[in-house]
C-alpha atoms as a PDB file:
ATOM      1  CA  MET A   1      97.046 121.801  77.262  1.00  0.00           C
ATOM      2  CA  LYS A   2     100.238 123.597  78.599  1.00  0.00           C
ATOM      3  CA  SER A   3     103.779 122.586  77.033  1.00  0.00           C
ATOM      4  CA  HIS A   4     105.102 121.374  80.162  1.00  0.00           C
ATOM      5  CA  SER A   5     102.343 118.834  81.186  1.00  0.00           C
ATOM      6  CA  PRO A   6     102.797 115.414  81.823  1.00  0.00           C
ATOM      7  CA  TYR A   7     101.510 114.282  78.371  1.00  0.00           C
ATOM      8  CA  ASN A   8     103.380 116.983  76.579  1.00  0.00           C
ATOM      9  CA  GLN A   9     106.821 116.116  78.007  1.00  0.00           C
ATOM     10  CA  ALA A  10     105.980 112.301  77.527  1.00  0.00           C
ATOM     11  CA  SER A  11     104.726 112.777  73.720  1.00  0.00           C
ATOM     12  CA  VAL A  12     108.120 115.222  72.870  1.00  0.00           C
ATOM     13  CA  ARG A  13     109.936 112.075  74.517  1.00  0.00           C
ATOM     14  CA  LEU A  14     107.802 109.482  72.112  1.00  0.00           C
ATOM     15  CA  ASN A  15     108.453 111.442  69.207  1.00  0.00           C
ATOM     16  CA  GLU A  16     112.068 111.803  69.848  1.00  0.00           C
ATOM     17  CA  TYR A  17     112.042 107.707  70.495  1.00  0.00           C
ATOM     18  CA  LEU A  18     110.183 106.937  67.655  1.00  0.00           C
ATOM     19  CA  LYS A  19     112.057 108.981  64.881  1.00  0.00           C
ATOM     20  CA  ALA A  20     115.546 107.715  66.315  1.00  0.00           C
ATOM     21  CA  HIS A  21     114.254 104.185  65.809  1.00  0.00           C
ATOM     22  CA  ARG A  22     112.562 104.640  62.519  1.00  0.00           C
ATOM     23  CA  LEU A  23     109.130 103.885  64.234  1.00  0.00           C
ATOM     24  CA  LYS A  24     105.985 106.055  62.841  1.00  0.00           C
ATOM     25  CA  PRO A  25     103.856 107.643  65.264  1.00  0.00           C
ATOM     26  CA  THR A  26     100.266 106.105  65.533  1.00  0.00           C
ATOM     27  CA  PHE A  27      96.992 106.832  66.602  1.00  0.00           C
ATOM     28  CA  GLU A  28      96.598 104.021  69.240  1.00  0.00           C
ATOM     29  CA  ARG A  29     100.270 104.706  70.805  1.00  0.00           C
ATOM     30  CA  ASP A  30      98.902 108.822  71.144  1.00  0.00           C
ATOM     31  CA  LEU A  31      95.703 108.118  72.938  1.00  0.00           C
ATOM     32  CA  ILE A  32      96.927 105.286  75.161  1.00  0.00           C
ATOM     33  CA  LEU A  33      99.490 108.344  76.057  1.00  0.00           C
ATOM     34  CA  GLN A  34      96.853 110.733  76.312  1.00  0.00           C
ATOM     35  CA  THR A  35      94.550 108.206  78.168  1.00  0.00           C
ATOM     36  CA  ILE A  36      97.783 107.255  80.944  1.00  0.00           C
ATOM     37  CA  ALA A  37      98.433 111.081  81.438  1.00  0.00           C
ATOM     38  CA  GLN A  38      94.671 111.929  82.500  1.00  0.00           C
ATOM     39  CA  ILE A  39      94.825 109.175  85.260  1.00  0.00           C
ATOM     40  CA  PRO A  40      96.624 110.871  88.274  1.00  0.00           C
ATOM     41  CA  HIS A  41      97.697 107.495  89.791  1.00  0.00           C
ATOM     42  CA  PRO A  42      99.696 104.474  88.652  1.00  0.00           C
ATOM     43  CA  VAL A  43      98.108 102.066  85.979  1.00  0.00           C
ATOM     44  CA  SER A  44      97.892  98.698  84.484  1.00  0.00           C
ATOM     45  CA  PRO A  45      97.583  98.134  81.129  1.00  0.00           C
ATOM     46  CA  THR A  46      94.576  96.291  81.692  1.00  0.00           C
ATOM     47  CA  GLU A  47      92.961  99.502  82.979  1.00  0.00           C
ATOM     48  CA  ILE A  48      94.046 101.213  80.126  1.00  0.00           C
ATOM     49  CA  ALA A  49      92.968  98.496  77.650  1.00  0.00           C
ATOM     50  CA  GLU A  50      89.323  98.864  79.274  1.00  0.00           C
ATOM     51  CA  GLU A  51      89.412 102.546  78.627  1.00  0.00           C
ATOM     52  CA  VAL A  52      90.247 102.456  74.653  1.00  0.00           C
ATOM     53  CA  LYS A  53      88.548  99.737  73.658  1.00  0.00           C
ATOM     54  CA  VAL A  54      85.879 102.096  72.569  1.00  0.00           C
ATOM     55  CA  HIS A  55      87.928 103.104  70.033  1.00  0.00           C
ATOM     56  CA  HIS A  56      88.897  99.321  69.166  1.00  0.00           C
ATOM     57  CA  ILE A  57      92.101  99.183  70.224  1.00  0.00           C
ATOM     58  CA  SER A  58      93.140  95.801  71.324  1.00  0.00           C
ATOM     59  CA  ARG A  59      94.538  94.612  74.730  1.00  0.00           C
ATOM     60  CA  SER A  60      97.420  93.376  72.395  1.00  0.00           C
ATOM     61  CA  THR A  61      98.245  96.769  71.384  1.00  0.00           C
ATOM     62  CA  VAL A  62      97.803  98.064  74.980  1.00  0.00           C
ATOM     63  CA  TYR A  63     100.561  95.775  76.152  1.00  0.00           C
ATOM     64  CA  ASN A  64     102.843  96.038  73.261  1.00  0.00           C
ATOM     65  CA  THR A  65     102.722  99.819  73.779  1.00  0.00           C
ATOM     66  CA  PHE A  66     103.440  99.750  77.128  1.00  0.00           C
ATOM     67  CA  LYS A  67     106.548  97.727  76.497  1.00  0.00           C
ATOM     68  CA  LEU A  68     107.406 100.291  73.639  1.00  0.00           C
ATOM     69  CA  PHE A  69     106.950 103.257  76.315  1.00  0.00           C
ATOM     70  CA  CYS A  70     109.213 101.795  78.873  1.00  0.00           C
ATOM     71  CA  LEU A  71     112.198 101.258  76.377  1.00  0.00           C
ATOM     72  CA  ALA A  72     111.431 104.973  75.601  1.00  0.00           C
ATOM     73  CA  ARG A  73     111.581 106.347  79.629  1.00  0.00           C
ATOM     74  CA  ILE A  74     108.050 107.261  79.355  1.00  0.00           C
ATOM     75  CA  LEU A  75     106.537 104.818  81.924  1.00  0.00           C
ATOM     76  CA  SER A  76     108.177 103.449  84.798  1.00  0.00           C
ATOM     77  CA  ALA A  77     107.021 100.043  86.403  1.00  0.00           C
ATOM     78  CA  ILE A  78     105.935  99.673  89.940  1.00  0.00           C
ATOM     79  CA  THR A  79     105.568  96.224  91.447  1.00  0.00           C
ATOM     80  CA  SER A  80     103.499  95.411  94.155  1.00  0.00           C
ATOM     81  CA  ASP A  81     104.074  92.447  96.714  1.00  0.00           C
ATOM     82  CA  ASN A  82     100.836  91.172  96.770  1.00  0.00           C
ATOM     83  CA  SER A  83      99.727  87.581  95.504  1.00  0.00           C
ATOM     84  CA  VAL A  84      99.031  88.975  92.285  1.00  0.00           C
ATOM     85  CA  GLY A  85     102.140  90.053  91.467  1.00  0.00           C
ATOM     86  CA  GLN A  86     100.599  93.043  89.333  1.00  0.00           C
ATOM     87  CA  VAL A  87     102.955  95.731  87.782  1.00  0.00           C
ATOM     88  CA  ARG A  88     101.423  99.189  87.625  1.00  0.00           C
ATOM     89  CA  TYR A  89     103.103 101.967  85.533  1.00  0.00           C
ATOM     90  CA  GLU A  90     103.692 105.927  86.180  1.00  0.00           C
ATOM     91  CA  LEU A  91     104.581 108.243  83.461  1.00  0.00           C
ATOM     92  CA  CYS A  92     108.293 109.342  84.061  1.00  0.00           C
ATOM     93  CA  SER A  93     109.065 113.109  84.464  1.00  0.00           C
ATOM     94  CA  ASP A  94     112.227 114.478  83.792  1.00  0.00           C
ATOM     95  CA  LYS A  95     113.235 115.687  87.218  1.00  0.00           C
ATOM     96  CA  SER A  96     110.259 114.945  89.349  1.00  0.00           C
ATOM     97  CA  ASN A  97     110.401 113.237  92.851  1.00  0.00           C
ATOM     98  CA  SER A  98     107.419 111.058  93.989  1.00  0.00           C
ATOM     99  CA  ILE A  99     106.413 108.754  96.857  1.00  0.00           C
ATOM    100  CA  GLN A 100     103.889 106.432  96.972  1.00  0.00           C
ATOM    101  CA  MET A 101     102.316 104.094  99.333  1.00  0.00           C
ATOM    102  CA  VAL A 102     101.071 100.582  97.491  1.00  0.00           C
ATOM    103  CA  CYS A 103      99.076  98.023  99.320  1.00  0.00           C
ATOM    104  CA  THR A 104     100.617  94.678  99.275  1.00  0.00           C
ATOM    105  CA  ARG A 105      97.121  92.628  99.670  1.00  0.00           C
ATOM    106  CA  CYS A 106      95.306  94.501  97.074  1.00  0.00           C
ATOM    107  CA  GLY A 107      97.692  96.483  95.019  1.00  0.00           C
ATOM    108  CA  ARG A 108      96.230  99.876  95.609  1.00  0.00           C
ATOM    109  CA  THR A 109      98.251 102.635  94.991  1.00  0.00           C
ATOM    110  CA  VAL A 110      98.046 106.397  96.613  1.00  0.00           C
ATOM    111  CA  ALA A 111     100.560 109.166  95.542  1.00  0.00           C
ATOM    112  CA  ILE A 112     101.645 111.298  98.492  1.00  0.00           C
ATOM    113  CA  HIS A 113     102.597 114.587  98.797  1.00  0.00           C
ATOM    114  CA  ASP A 114     104.874 115.324 101.788  1.00  0.00           C
ATOM    115  CA  LYS A 115     106.996 118.188 101.368  1.00  0.00           C
ATOM    116  CA  THR A 116     109.126 117.949 104.472  1.00  0.00           C
ATOM    117  CA  LEU A 117     110.053 113.876 103.280  1.00  0.00           C
ATOM    118  CA  THR A 118     110.841 115.163  99.756  1.00  0.00           C
ATOM    119  CA  HIS A 119     113.107 117.948 101.095  1.00  0.00           C
ATOM    120  CA  LEU A 120     114.848 115.530 103.595  1.00  0.00           C
ATOM    121  CA  ILE A 121     115.781 113.081 100.484  1.00  0.00           C
ATOM    122  CA  SER A 122     116.489 115.795  97.936  1.00  0.00           C
ATOM    123  CA  GLN A 123     119.070 116.962 100.534  1.00  0.00           C
ATOM    124  CA  LYS A 124     120.995 113.485 101.044  1.00  0.00           C
ATOM    125  CA  LYS A 125     124.015 112.941  99.534  1.00  0.00           C
ATOM    126  CA  TYR A 126     125.988 109.995  98.486  1.00  0.00           C
ATOM    127  CA  ASN A 127     129.299 109.294  97.611  1.00  0.00           C
ATOM    128  CA  ASN A 128     130.297 108.803  93.584  1.00  0.00           C
ATOM    129  CA  PHE A 129     126.204 109.603  92.728  1.00  0.00           C
ATOM    130  CA  ASN A 130     124.756 112.506  92.023  1.00  0.00           C
ATOM    131  CA  TYR A 131     121.068 111.547  91.616  1.00  0.00           C
ATOM    132  CA  SER A 132     118.880 113.920  89.407  1.00  0.00           C
ATOM    133  CA  HIS A 133     115.212 112.570  90.815  1.00  0.00           C
ATOM    134  CA  PHE A 134     113.848 109.872  93.061  1.00  0.00           C
ATOM    135  CA  THR A 135     110.768 107.407  93.465  1.00  0.00           C
ATOM    136  CA  LEU A 136     109.984 106.006  96.853  1.00  0.00           C
ATOM    137  CA  THR A 137     107.561 103.458  97.390  1.00  0.00           C
ATOM    138  CA  VAL A 138     106.267 102.566 100.898  1.00  0.00           C
ATOM    139  CA  LYS A 139     104.627  99.090 101.110  1.00  0.00           C
ATOM    140  CA  GLY A 140     101.960  98.149 103.734  1.00  0.00           C
ATOM    141  CA  GLU A 141      98.140  97.719 104.073  1.00  0.00           C
ATOM    142  CA  CYS A 142      95.735 100.156 103.279  1.00  0.00           C
ATOM    143  CA  LYS A 143      92.735 100.770 105.340  1.00  0.00           C
ATOM    144  CA  VAL A 144      90.134  98.999 103.520  1.00  0.00           C
ATOM    145  CA  CYS A 145      92.212  95.452 103.552  1.00  0.00           C
ATOM    146  CA  ARG A 146      93.291  96.202 107.486  1.00  0.00           C
ATOM    147  CA  LYS A 147      89.343  96.286 107.812  1.00  0.00           C
ATOM    148  CA  ILE A 148      88.524  93.181 105.884  1.00  0.00           C
ATOM    149  CA  LYS A 149      91.504  91.521 108.158  1.00  0.00           C
ATOM    150  CA  GLY A 150      90.013  92.745 111.163  1.00  0.00           C
ATOM    151  CA  THR A 151      93.412  94.429 112.443  1.00  0.00           C
END
């Protein structure tokens, strides 16, 4: 892997956090982090638990690890307005902007790569605030849910 890959960036942050809080690095934490980094879209703890269960990692270990990763600023939560209230997570990157669309019915999340919109937002100036990066979430209904609904 490249030294600047999302996994490597997150791994460095995790090791710094663990050291600062006198916690030990574990196989489970590293495997969960690797699994999250390999998936190109926001994930849920349930999804990761399914992926790592072959390694006998419990669902509670996955949920506890997600909490730790959020505290360490390795993961950030993306909430959905759907009735399930499902929360998905994505890797935080030091200075990367992200735009995603989230279906409010099924929770499906799709990353959008729009250079024009990213540029427009990056050029915006706000009084008394210098931002380093942004996450934009566009909410609505996906194609599949619209088709089911018949609109």
